[in-house]
Amino acid sequence: MTIYGIKTCDSVRKAINFFKANDIAFEFFDYKKEQVDEAKIKEWLEKTTIDKLFNNRGTKYRTLKLKELNLDNRGKIEWMAKENYLLKRPVIEYEGGLVVAFNEEVYRKIFF
């Protein structure tokens, strides 16, 4: 299992703490150190929707003024690959699935 995000994000910290507290092993992929590429994003989109993956409420979205561009799905994918902070966090990739954002109830259903 891999958790994708940044360590300073509250939702990512909650997810990490959840998995540590429940003794569930994971790897961490830090957007500050590595870049998620377009191929990986497209792979994720086979398991979730673009609306669940694309963060249009964050600071990066506002700073880049992306609302003004009225992006289509292709544009959103390109921007997420260029600016990983446009991905909602955390993205958790596990055997056979993907879950986006922190939700303890959902985690309990999937991982127990």
N, C-alpha and C. Protein backbone atom coordinates (compact mmCIF):
# COMPACT_ATOMS: atom_id res chain seq x y z
N MET A 1 0.85 -1.17 0.00
CA MET A 1 0.00 0.00 0.00
C MET A 1 0.89 1.23 0.00
N THR A 2 0.46 2.26 -0.73
CA THR A 2 1.20 3.51 -0.81
C THR A 2 0.26 4.67 -0.52
N ILE A 3 0.73 5.57 0.34
CA ILE A 3 0.02 6.81 0.62
C ILE A 3 0.74 7.91 -0.14
N TYR A 4 0.00 8.65 -0.96
CA TYR A 4 0.55 9.76 -1.72
C TYR A 4 0.08 11.06 -1.10
N GLY A 5 1.00 11.99 -0.90
CA GLY A 5 0.62 13.29 -0.35
C GLY A 5 1.82 14.07 0.12
N ILE A 6 1.57 15.01 1.02
CA ILE A 6 2.63 15.78 1.66
C ILE A 6 2.45 15.66 3.16
N LYS A 7 3.57 15.57 3.86
CA LYS A 7 3.51 15.32 5.30
C LYS A 7 2.90 16.46 6.10
N THR A 8 2.88 17.66 5.54
CA THR A 8 2.34 18.81 6.26
C THR A 8 0.82 18.93 6.13
N CYS A 9 0.22 18.11 5.31
CA CYS A 9 -1.24 18.14 5.11
C CYS A 9 -1.94 17.43 6.27
N ASP A 10 -2.93 18.07 6.86
CA ASP A 10 -3.67 17.48 7.99
C ASP A 10 -4.30 16.14 7.63
N SER A 11 -4.92 16.07 6.46
CA SER A 11 -5.58 14.82 6.04
C SER A 11 -4.57 13.69 5.86
N VAL A 12 -3.42 14.02 5.33
CA VAL A 12 -2.36 13.01 5.15
C VAL A 12 -1.86 12.55 6.52
N ARG A 13 -1.66 13.48 7.42
CA ARG A 13 -1.20 13.12 8.78
C ARG A 13 -2.22 12.21 9.47
N LYS A 14 -3.51 12.53 9.31
CA LYS A 14 -4.55 11.69 9.92
C LYS A 14 -4.51 10.28 9.34
N ALA A 15 -4.32 10.17 8.03
CA ALA A 15 -4.25 8.85 7.39
C ALA A 15 -3.04 8.08 7.90
N ILE A 16 -1.89 8.72 7.93
CA ILE A 16 -0.67 8.06 8.41
C ILE A 16 -0.87 7.59 9.85
N ASN A 17 -1.42 8.46 10.69
CA ASN A 17 -1.66 8.08 12.09
C ASN A 17 -2.63 6.92 12.20
N PHE A 18 -3.66 6.90 11.37
CA PHE A 18 -4.62 5.80 11.37
C PHE A 18 -3.92 4.48 11.06
N PHE A 19 -3.12 4.46 10.00
CA PHE A 19 -2.45 3.22 9.61
C PHE A 19 -1.40 2.79 10.63
N LYS A 20 -0.68 3.73 11.19
CA LYS A 20 0.30 3.40 12.23
C LYS A 20 -0.40 2.84 13.47
N ALA A 21 -1.48 3.49 13.89
CA ALA A 21 -2.21 3.06 15.09
C ALA A 21 -2.81 1.67 14.92
N ASN A 22 -3.14 1.31 13.68
CA ASN A 22 -3.74 0.01 13.41
C ASN A 22 -2.73 -0.99 12.85
N ASP A 23 -1.45 -0.64 12.96
CA ASP A 23 -0.36 -1.53 12.58
C ASP A 23 -0.51 -2.03 11.13
N ILE A 24 -0.84 -1.11 10.23
CA ILE A 24 -0.99 -1.43 8.81
C ILE A 24 0.21 -0.83 8.08
N ALA A 25 0.98 -1.67 7.43
CA ALA A 25 2.19 -1.23 6.75
C ALA A 25 1.86 -0.42 5.49
N PHE A 26 2.67 0.59 5.23
CA PHE A 26 2.48 1.41 4.04
C PHE A 26 3.81 2.05 3.65
N GLU A 27 3.86 2.48 2.40
CA GLU A 27 4.96 3.30 1.92
C GLU A 27 4.40 4.70 1.73
N PHE A 28 5.28 5.69 1.83
CA PHE A 28 4.83 7.07 1.66
C PHE A 28 5.51 7.68 0.44
N PHE A 29 4.70 8.27 -0.42
CA PHE A 29 5.19 8.96 -1.61
C PHE A 29 4.96 10.45 -1.39
N ASP A 30 6.04 11.19 -1.26
CA ASP A 30 5.98 12.61 -0.92
C ASP A 30 6.02 13.47 -2.18
N TYR A 31 4.94 14.22 -2.42
CA TYR A 31 4.87 15.10 -3.59
C TYR A 31 5.99 16.15 -3.59
N LYS A 32 6.51 16.47 -2.41
CA LYS A 32 7.58 17.46 -2.36
C LYS A 32 8.90 16.89 -2.88
N LYS A 33 9.05 15.58 -2.85
CA LYS A 33 10.31 14.94 -3.25
C LYS A 33 10.23 14.26 -4.61
N GLU A 34 9.04 13.79 -4.97
CA GLU A 34 8.85 13.06 -6.23
C GLU A 34 7.60 13.58 -6.92
N GLN A 35 7.52 13.33 -8.21
CA GLN A 35 6.39 13.80 -9.00
C GLN A 35 5.55 12.61 -9.47
N VAL A 36 4.23 12.70 -9.29
CA VAL A 36 3.31 11.71 -9.86
C VAL A 36 3.12 12.12 -11.31
N ASP A 37 3.35 11.18 -12.22
CA ASP A 37 3.26 11.53 -13.63
C ASP A 37 1.85 11.28 -14.19
N GLU A 38 1.68 11.71 -15.43
CA GLU A 38 0.38 11.61 -16.08
C GLU A 38 -0.09 10.16 -16.22
N ALA A 39 0.84 9.25 -16.48
CA ALA A 39 0.48 7.83 -16.61
C ALA A 39 -0.14 7.30 -15.32
N LYS A 40 0.44 7.65 -14.18
CA LYS A 40 -0.09 7.21 -12.88
C LYS A 40 -1.46 7.82 -12.63
N ILE A 41 -1.63 9.09 -12.97
CA ILE A 41 -2.92 9.75 -12.77
C ILE A 41 -3.99 9.07 -13.62
N LYS A 42 -3.66 8.74 -14.85
CA LYS A 42 -4.62 8.04 -15.72
C LYS A 42 -4.96 6.66 -15.16
N GLU A 43 -3.97 6.00 -14.59
CA GLU A 43 -4.20 4.69 -13.95
C GLU A 43 -5.19 4.85 -12.79
N TRP A 44 -5.00 5.90 -11.99
CA TRP A 44 -5.92 6.15 -10.88
C TRP A 44 -7.33 6.44 -11.38
N LEU A 45 -7.42 7.14 -12.50
CA LEU A 45 -8.74 7.51 -13.04
C LEU A 45 -9.52 6.32 -13.57
N GLU A 46 -8.87 5.17 -13.66
CA GLU A 46 -9.59 3.94 -13.98
C GLU A 46 -10.32 3.42 -12.75
N LYS A 47 -9.95 3.95 -11.55
CA LYS A 47 -10.52 3.47 -10.29
C LYS A 47 -11.32 4.54 -9.55
N THR A 48 -11.26 5.78 -10.02
CA THR A 48 -11.99 6.86 -9.38
C THR A 48 -12.36 7.90 -10.43
N THR A 49 -13.10 8.90 -10.03
CA THR A 49 -13.51 9.94 -10.97
C THR A 49 -12.57 11.14 -10.88
N ILE A 50 -12.56 11.92 -11.94
CA ILE A 50 -11.71 13.11 -11.94
C ILE A 50 -12.16 14.10 -10.88
N ASP A 51 -13.46 14.14 -10.60
CA ASP A 51 -13.96 15.06 -9.58
C ASP A 51 -13.47 14.69 -8.18
N LYS A 52 -13.27 13.41 -7.93
CA LYS A 52 -12.74 12.98 -6.63
C LYS A 52 -11.24 13.23 -6.54
N LEU A 53 -10.55 13.24 -7.66
CA LEU A 53 -9.09 13.35 -7.66
C LEU A 53 -8.59 14.79 -7.79
N PHE A 54 -9.28 15.61 -8.54
CA PHE A 54 -8.83 16.97 -8.82
C PHE A 54 -9.27 17.93 -7.72
N ASN A 55 -8.30 18.60 -7.11
CA ASN A 55 -8.59 19.50 -5.99
C ASN A 55 -8.82 20.92 -6.51
N ASN A 56 -10.08 21.28 -6.62
CA ASN A 56 -10.40 22.63 -7.09
C ASN A 56 -10.77 23.56 -5.93
N ARG A 57 -10.40 23.18 -4.73
CA ARG A 57 -10.68 24.02 -3.56
C ARG A 57 -9.41 24.49 -2.86
N GLY A 58 -8.28 23.99 -3.30
CA GLY A 58 -7.03 24.29 -2.62
C GLY A 58 -6.39 25.60 -3.04
N THR A 59 -5.38 25.95 -2.28
CA THR A 59 -4.62 27.18 -2.54
C THR A 59 -3.98 27.16 -3.91
N LYS A 60 -3.40 26.04 -4.30
CA LYS A 60 -2.72 25.95 -5.60
C LYS A 60 -3.69 26.24 -6.75
N TYR A 61 -4.89 25.71 -6.67
CA TYR A 61 -5.91 25.95 -7.69
C TYR A 61 -6.21 27.44 -7.81
N ARG A 62 -6.37 28.09 -6.67
CA ARG A 62 -6.67 29.53 -6.67
C ARG A 62 -5.47 30.35 -7.14
N THR A 63 -4.29 30.00 -6.67
CA THR A 63 -3.08 30.73 -7.04
C THR A 63 -2.83 30.68 -8.54
N LEU A 64 -3.06 29.52 -9.13
CA LEU A 64 -2.85 29.36 -10.57
C LEU A 64 -4.01 29.91 -11.41
N LYS A 65 -5.08 30.33 -10.74
CA LYS A 65 -6.27 30.89 -11.40
C LYS A 65 -6.84 29.94 -12.45
N LEU A 66 -6.91 28.67 -12.08
CA LEU A 66 -7.36 27.65 -13.02
C LEU A 66 -8.85 27.72 -13.30
N LYS A 67 -9.60 28.30 -12.40
CA LYS A 67 -11.05 28.43 -12.64
C LYS A 67 -11.30 29.23 -13.92
N GLU A 68 -10.47 30.23 -14.12
CA GLU A 68 -10.60 31.09 -15.30
C GLU A 68 -10.35 30.32 -16.61
N LEU A 69 -9.59 29.24 -16.54
CA LEU A 69 -9.27 28.46 -17.74
C LEU A 69 -10.39 27.53 -18.15
N ASN A 70 -11.35 27.30 -17.24
CA ASN A 70 -12.47 26.40 -17.52
C ASN A 70 -11.98 25.07 -18.13
N LEU A 71 -11.14 24.38 -17.38
CA LEU A 71 -10.46 23.18 -17.86
C LEU A 71 -11.41 22.03 -18.15
N ASP A 72 -11.14 21.31 -19.22
CA ASP A 72 -11.82 20.04 -19.48
C ASP A 72 -11.01 18.95 -18.76
N ASN A 73 -11.48 17.72 -18.83
CA ASN A 73 -10.80 16.64 -18.12
C ASN A 73 -9.35 16.48 -18.56
N ARG A 74 -9.09 16.60 -19.85
CA ARG A 74 -7.72 16.49 -20.36
C ARG A 74 -6.82 17.56 -19.72
N GLY A 75 -7.34 18.78 -19.66
CA GLY A 75 -6.59 19.88 -19.04
C GLY A 75 -6.34 19.64 -17.57
N LYS A 76 -7.33 19.10 -16.88
CA LYS A 76 -7.17 18.80 -15.45
C LYS A 76 -6.08 17.75 -15.24
N ILE A 77 -6.05 16.73 -16.08
CA ILE A 77 -5.02 15.69 -15.96
C ILE A 77 -3.64 16.30 -16.18
N GLU A 78 -3.51 17.12 -17.22
CA GLU A 78 -2.22 17.76 -17.49
C GLU A 78 -1.76 18.62 -16.32
N TRP A 79 -2.68 19.39 -15.75
CA TRP A 79 -2.32 20.24 -14.61
C TRP A 79 -1.98 19.43 -13.37
N MET A 80 -2.71 18.34 -13.12
CA MET A 80 -2.38 17.50 -11.95
C MET A 80 -0.99 16.91 -12.09
N ALA A 81 -0.60 16.54 -13.31
CA ALA A 81 0.73 15.97 -13.54
C ALA A 81 1.82 17.04 -13.37
N LYS A 82 1.52 18.27 -13.76
CA LYS A 82 2.49 19.37 -13.60
C LYS A 82 2.58 19.84 -12.16
N GLU A 83 1.44 19.90 -11.50
CA GLU A 83 1.33 20.43 -10.14
C GLU A 83 0.61 19.41 -9.27
N ASN A 84 1.37 18.52 -8.64
CA ASN A 84 0.77 17.46 -7.84
C ASN A 84 -0.07 17.98 -6.67
N TYR A 85 0.12 19.23 -6.29
CA TYR A 85 -0.69 19.80 -5.21
C TYR A 85 -2.14 19.96 -5.65
N LEU A 86 -2.43 19.76 -6.93
CA LEU A 86 -3.81 19.80 -7.42
C LEU A 86 -4.51 18.46 -7.24
N LEU A 87 -3.78 17.46 -6.75
CA LEU A 87 -4.39 16.17 -6.42
C LEU A 87 -4.94 16.26 -5.00
N LYS A 88 -6.17 15.78 -4.80
CA LYS A 88 -6.70 15.73 -3.44
C LYS A 88 -5.83 14.78 -2.64
N ARG A 89 -5.79 15.02 -1.33
CA ARG A 89 -4.89 14.25 -0.48
C ARG A 89 -5.64 13.67 0.71
N PRO A 90 -5.15 12.51 1.16
CA PRO A 90 -4.18 11.64 0.50
C PRO A 90 -4.85 10.80 -0.59
N VAL A 91 -4.00 10.31 -1.47
CA VAL A 91 -4.41 9.27 -2.41
C VAL A 91 -3.79 7.99 -1.88
N ILE A 92 -4.61 6.98 -1.65
CA ILE A 92 -4.11 5.72 -1.09
C ILE A 92 -4.35 4.63 -2.11
N GLU A 93 -3.24 4.06 -2.55
CA GLU A 93 -3.27 3.00 -3.53
C GLU A 93 -3.01 1.69 -2.77
N TYR A 94 -3.93 0.76 -2.88
CA TYR A 94 -3.78 -0.52 -2.19
C TYR A 94 -4.11 -1.62 -3.18
N GLU A 95 -3.80 -2.82 -2.80
CA GLU A 95 -4.01 -3.96 -3.69
C GLU A 95 -5.45 -3.99 -4.20
N GLY A 96 -5.60 -3.74 -5.48
CA GLY A 96 -6.91 -3.80 -6.09
C GLY A 96 -7.75 -2.55 -6.00
N GLY A 97 -7.25 -1.51 -5.36
CA GLY A 97 -8.11 -0.35 -5.24
C GLY A 97 -7.41 0.96 -4.98
N LEU A 98 -8.23 1.97 -4.83
CA LEU A 98 -7.76 3.33 -4.61
C LEU A 98 -8.80 4.05 -3.77
N VAL A 99 -8.33 4.81 -2.80
CA VAL A 99 -9.23 5.64 -2.01
C VAL A 99 -8.59 7.03 -1.91
N VAL A 100 -9.44 8.06 -2.07
CA VAL A 100 -8.97 9.44 -2.07
C VAL A 100 -9.58 10.17 -0.89
N ALA A 101 -8.75 10.90 -0.17
CA ALA A 101 -9.12 11.72 0.99
C ALA A 101 -9.15 10.88 2.27
N PHE A 102 -9.16 11.57 3.39
CA PHE A 102 -9.20 10.88 4.67
C PHE A 102 -10.64 10.66 5.09
N ASN A 103 -10.95 9.40 5.39
CA ASN A 103 -12.27 9.06 5.91
C ASN A 103 -12.09 7.77 6.71
N GLU A 104 -12.03 7.91 8.03
CA GLU A 104 -11.75 6.77 8.88
C GLU A 104 -12.77 5.65 8.71
N GLU A 105 -14.02 6.00 8.55
CA GLU A 105 -15.08 4.99 8.38
C GLU A 105 -14.83 4.16 7.10
N VAL A 106 -14.49 4.83 6.03
CA VAL A 106 -14.19 4.15 4.77
C VAL A 106 -12.94 3.27 4.94
N TYR A 107 -11.93 3.80 5.59
CA TYR A 107 -10.70 3.02 5.82
C TYR A 107 -11.00 1.75 6.60
N ARG A 108 -11.85 1.85 7.62
CA ARG A 108 -12.18 0.66 8.43
C ARG A 108 -12.89 -0.39 7.59
N LYS A 109 -13.76 0.03 6.68
CA LYS A 109 -14.46 -0.91 5.82
C LYS A 109 -13.51 -1.61 4.85
N ILE A 110 -12.54 -0.86 4.34
CA ILE A 110 -11.62 -1.41 3.34
C ILE A 110 -10.53 -2.26 3.98
N PHE A 111 -9.94 -1.79 5.07
CA PHE A 111 -8.72 -2.40 5.58
C PHE A 111 -8.91 -3.35 6.76
N PHE A 112 -10.18 -3.59 7.18
CA PHE A 112 -10.43 -4.55 8.26
C PHE A 112 -11.39 -5.63 7.82
